[in-house]
C-alpha cells in the first residue's frame, strides 16, 4: 500500500493517514499535528516541508484494522 502522495516528483506524506493528524474545527486553522504541536490553514506536511525544507519525519501510518495504540509523543520544544 502506497502511503505517500506523489506530487511534482516529490513524495509527501498524506496527513489524513497519520496518527498525529487531527481536525481542529477552527475555520482559520482547520488542520493540526499532535506530534509537532501546531495548527495550520494548510496540510501540516506542506507546512513542515516549506518551513524546514525536508519531509515530515514523524509521519506514522494509522492502522485501519485495529485501534491505534497511544504512542508517546515527542517532547515539546519551547
N, C-alpha and C. Protein backbone atom coordinates (compact mmCIF):
# COMPACT_ATOMS: atom_id res chain seq x y z
N UNK A 1 0.84 -1.18 0.00
CA UNK A 1 0.00 0.00 0.00
C UNK A 1 0.88 1.24 0.00
N UNK A 2 0.63 2.12 -0.92
CA UNK A 2 1.41 3.34 -1.04
C UNK A 2 0.81 4.41 -0.12
N UNK A 3 1.56 4.86 0.86
CA UNK A 3 1.06 5.84 1.83
C UNK A 3 1.48 7.26 1.48
N UNK A 4 2.17 7.43 0.40
CA UNK A 4 2.63 8.75 0.01
C UNK A 4 1.90 9.24 -1.23
N UNK A 5 1.73 10.51 -1.30
CA UNK A 5 1.10 11.16 -2.44
C UNK A 5 2.21 11.73 -3.31
N UNK A 6 2.24 11.36 -4.58
CA UNK A 6 3.29 11.84 -5.47
C UNK A 6 2.82 13.14 -6.11
N UNK A 7 3.61 14.17 -5.92
CA UNK A 7 3.27 15.49 -6.44
C UNK A 7 4.55 16.17 -6.88
N UNK A 8 4.61 16.51 -8.15
CA UNK A 8 5.78 17.19 -8.71
C UNK A 8 7.08 16.45 -8.42
N UNK A 9 7.06 15.13 -8.59
CA UNK A 9 8.24 14.28 -8.45
C UNK A 9 8.78 14.21 -7.02
N UNK A 10 8.04 14.67 -6.03
CA UNK A 10 8.46 14.52 -4.64
C UNK A 10 7.38 13.72 -3.90
N UNK A 11 7.78 12.98 -2.91
CA UNK A 11 6.82 12.21 -2.12
C UNK A 11 6.51 12.99 -0.85
N UNK A 12 5.22 13.24 -0.64
CA UNK A 12 4.78 13.98 0.52
C UNK A 12 3.84 13.09 1.33
N UNK A 13 4.03 12.96 2.62
CA UNK A 13 3.12 12.13 3.42
C UNK A 13 1.70 12.67 3.36
N UNK A 14 0.73 11.79 3.38
CA UNK A 14 -0.68 12.16 3.41
C UNK A 14 -1.08 12.25 4.88
N UNK A 15 -1.25 13.46 5.36
CA UNK A 15 -1.51 13.68 6.79
C UNK A 15 -2.77 12.96 7.28
N UNK A 16 -3.78 12.85 6.44
CA UNK A 16 -5.01 12.21 6.86
C UNK A 16 -4.79 10.73 7.20
N UNK A 17 -3.68 10.16 6.81
CA UNK A 17 -3.37 8.77 7.12
C UNK A 17 -2.39 8.65 8.30
N UNK A 18 -2.10 9.75 8.95
CA UNK A 18 -1.14 9.76 10.06
C UNK A 18 -1.87 9.77 11.40
N UNK A 19 -1.31 9.06 12.39
CA UNK A 19 -1.95 9.01 13.71
C UNK A 19 -1.93 10.35 14.42
N UNK A 20 -1.08 11.27 14.04
CA UNK A 20 -0.95 12.56 14.71
C UNK A 20 -1.82 13.65 14.11
N UNK A 21 -2.42 13.42 12.96
CA UNK A 21 -3.25 14.42 12.29
C UNK A 21 -4.60 14.54 12.98
N UNK A 22 -5.11 15.76 13.08
CA UNK A 22 -6.46 15.97 13.59
C UNK A 22 -7.09 17.21 12.97
N UNK A 23 -8.43 17.26 13.04
CA UNK A 23 -9.19 18.40 12.54
C UNK A 23 -9.57 19.24 13.75
N UNK A 24 -9.28 20.54 13.68
CA UNK A 24 -9.47 21.42 14.83
C UNK A 24 -10.87 22.02 14.93
N UNK A 25 -11.59 22.09 13.83
CA UNK A 25 -12.90 22.73 13.75
C UNK A 25 -12.82 24.24 13.98
N UNK A 26 -11.63 24.79 13.80
CA UNK A 26 -11.45 26.24 13.82
C UNK A 26 -11.35 26.69 12.37
N UNK A 27 -12.24 27.56 11.89
CA UNK A 27 -12.23 27.94 10.48
C UNK A 27 -10.89 28.50 9.98
N UNK A 28 -10.19 29.24 10.81
CA UNK A 28 -8.92 29.84 10.38
C UNK A 28 -7.77 28.83 10.37
N UNK A 29 -7.83 27.83 11.23
CA UNK A 29 -6.77 26.82 11.36
C UNK A 29 -7.41 25.44 11.46
N UNK A 30 -7.87 24.89 10.33
CA UNK A 30 -8.65 23.65 10.40
C UNK A 30 -7.85 22.36 10.59
N UNK A 31 -6.54 22.37 10.39
CA UNK A 31 -5.74 21.15 10.48
C UNK A 31 -4.70 21.26 11.58
N UNK A 32 -4.40 20.13 12.22
CA UNK A 32 -3.42 20.14 13.28
C UNK A 32 -2.54 18.91 13.27
N UNK A 33 -1.38 19.03 13.91
CA UNK A 33 -0.44 17.92 14.08
C UNK A 33 -0.11 17.81 15.56
N UNK A 34 -0.49 16.70 16.16
CA UNK A 34 -0.22 16.49 17.59
C UNK A 34 1.26 16.27 17.86
N UNK A 35 1.96 15.67 16.92
CA UNK A 35 3.39 15.39 17.12
C UNK A 35 4.22 16.66 17.15
N UNK A 36 3.86 17.64 16.33
CA UNK A 36 4.65 18.87 16.26
C UNK A 36 3.98 20.04 16.98
N UNK A 37 2.82 19.78 17.57
CA UNK A 37 2.13 20.78 18.39
C UNK A 37 1.83 22.07 17.64
N UNK A 38 1.17 21.96 16.46
CA UNK A 38 0.74 23.17 15.78
C UNK A 38 -0.54 22.95 15.01
N UNK A 39 -1.23 24.07 14.71
CA UNK A 39 -2.43 24.10 13.88
C UNK A 39 -2.10 24.93 12.66
N UNK A 40 -2.81 24.67 11.55
CA UNK A 40 -2.48 25.37 10.32
C UNK A 40 -3.69 25.45 9.40
N UNK A 41 -3.65 26.41 8.50
CA UNK A 41 -4.66 26.51 7.45
C UNK A 41 -4.33 25.56 6.31
N UNK A 42 -3.08 25.12 6.23
CA UNK A 42 -2.63 24.20 5.18
C UNK A 42 -2.44 22.80 5.77
N UNK A 43 -2.25 21.85 4.88
CA UNK A 43 -1.90 20.49 5.28
C UNK A 43 -0.60 20.57 6.10
N UNK A 44 -0.55 19.97 7.29
CA UNK A 44 0.65 20.06 8.13
C UNK A 44 1.94 19.60 7.43
N UNK A 45 1.88 18.58 6.60
CA UNK A 45 3.08 18.11 5.89
C UNK A 45 3.62 19.18 4.96
N UNK A 46 2.74 19.96 4.35
CA UNK A 46 3.18 21.06 3.48
C UNK A 46 3.85 22.16 4.29
N UNK A 47 3.32 22.43 5.46
CA UNK A 47 3.90 23.45 6.34
C UNK A 47 5.31 23.03 6.77
N UNK A 48 5.45 21.77 7.16
CA UNK A 48 6.76 21.25 7.58
C UNK A 48 7.76 21.34 6.43
N UNK A 49 7.36 20.93 5.24
CA UNK A 49 8.25 20.97 4.08
C UNK A 49 8.66 22.40 3.74
N UNK A 50 7.70 23.33 3.73
CA UNK A 50 8.02 24.70 3.36
C UNK A 50 8.87 25.41 4.42
N UNK A 51 8.68 25.06 5.70
CA UNK A 51 9.44 25.76 6.74
C UNK A 51 10.81 25.14 7.01
N UNK A 52 10.93 23.82 6.83
CA UNK A 52 12.21 23.17 7.15
C UNK A 52 13.00 22.72 5.93
N UNK A 53 12.30 22.54 4.81
CA UNK A 53 12.97 22.07 3.61
C UNK A 53 13.09 20.56 3.52
N UNK A 54 12.58 19.84 4.53
CA UNK A 54 12.60 18.37 4.50
C UNK A 54 11.19 17.84 4.75
N UNK A 55 10.96 16.60 4.32
CA UNK A 55 9.67 15.96 4.53
C UNK A 55 9.44 15.71 6.02
N UNK A 56 8.20 15.54 6.40
CA UNK A 56 7.84 15.23 7.79
C UNK A 56 8.52 13.94 8.22
N UNK A 57 9.24 13.98 9.32
CA UNK A 57 9.97 12.83 9.84
C UNK A 57 9.16 12.07 10.90
N UNK A 58 8.00 12.59 11.29
CA UNK A 58 7.20 11.97 12.35
C UNK A 58 5.96 11.26 11.82
N UNK A 59 5.79 11.20 10.49
CA UNK A 59 4.63 10.53 9.91
C UNK A 59 4.59 9.08 10.38
N UNK A 60 3.43 8.69 10.92
CA UNK A 60 3.20 7.31 11.37
C UNK A 60 1.85 6.88 10.84
N UNK A 61 1.84 5.85 10.03
CA UNK A 61 0.62 5.37 9.38
C UNK A 61 -0.38 4.83 10.39
N UNK A 62 -1.65 5.25 10.23
CA UNK A 62 -2.73 4.71 11.05
C UNK A 62 -2.95 3.26 10.66
N UNK A 63 -3.34 2.44 11.61
CA UNK A 63 -3.71 1.06 11.33
C UNK A 63 -5.23 1.02 11.26
N UNK A 64 -5.76 0.80 10.07
CA UNK A 64 -7.21 0.83 9.87
C UNK A 64 -7.91 -0.40 10.44
N UNK A 65 -7.20 -1.48 10.66
CA UNK A 65 -7.83 -2.73 11.09
C UNK A 65 -7.99 -2.86 12.60
N UNK A 66 -7.27 -2.08 13.37
CA UNK A 66 -7.38 -2.16 14.82
C UNK A 66 -7.19 -0.78 15.43
N UNK A 67 -7.53 -0.66 16.68
CA UNK A 67 -7.41 0.62 17.36
C UNK A 67 -5.94 1.02 17.46
N UNK A 68 -5.66 2.27 17.20
CA UNK A 68 -4.30 2.77 17.24
C UNK A 68 -3.82 2.85 18.68
N UNK A 69 -2.65 2.26 18.93
CA UNK A 69 -2.08 2.33 20.26
C UNK A 69 -1.55 3.74 20.50
N UNK A 70 -1.67 4.20 21.71
CA UNK A 70 -1.15 5.52 22.05
C UNK A 70 0.37 5.45 22.10
N UNK A 71 1.00 6.23 21.25
CA UNK A 71 2.46 6.30 21.27
C UNK A 71 2.85 7.51 22.09
N UNK A 72 4.02 7.46 22.65
CA UNK A 72 4.49 8.63 23.39
C UNK A 72 4.91 9.67 22.35
N UNK A 73 4.37 10.85 22.52
CA UNK A 73 4.67 11.94 21.59
C UNK A 73 6.03 12.55 21.89
N UNK A 74 6.66 13.12 20.88
CA UNK A 74 7.92 13.81 21.12
C UNK A 74 7.69 14.96 22.11
N UNK A 75 8.69 15.23 22.92
CA UNK A 75 8.57 16.31 23.89
C UNK A 75 8.53 17.65 23.17
N UNK A 76 7.73 18.53 23.69
CA UNK A 76 7.56 19.85 23.09
C UNK A 76 8.78 20.71 23.37
N UNK A 77 9.28 21.35 22.32
CA UNK A 77 10.43 22.24 22.44
C UNK A 77 9.89 23.65 22.65
N UNK A 78 10.37 24.32 23.65
CA UNK A 78 9.87 25.67 23.97
C UNK A 78 10.34 26.70 23.02
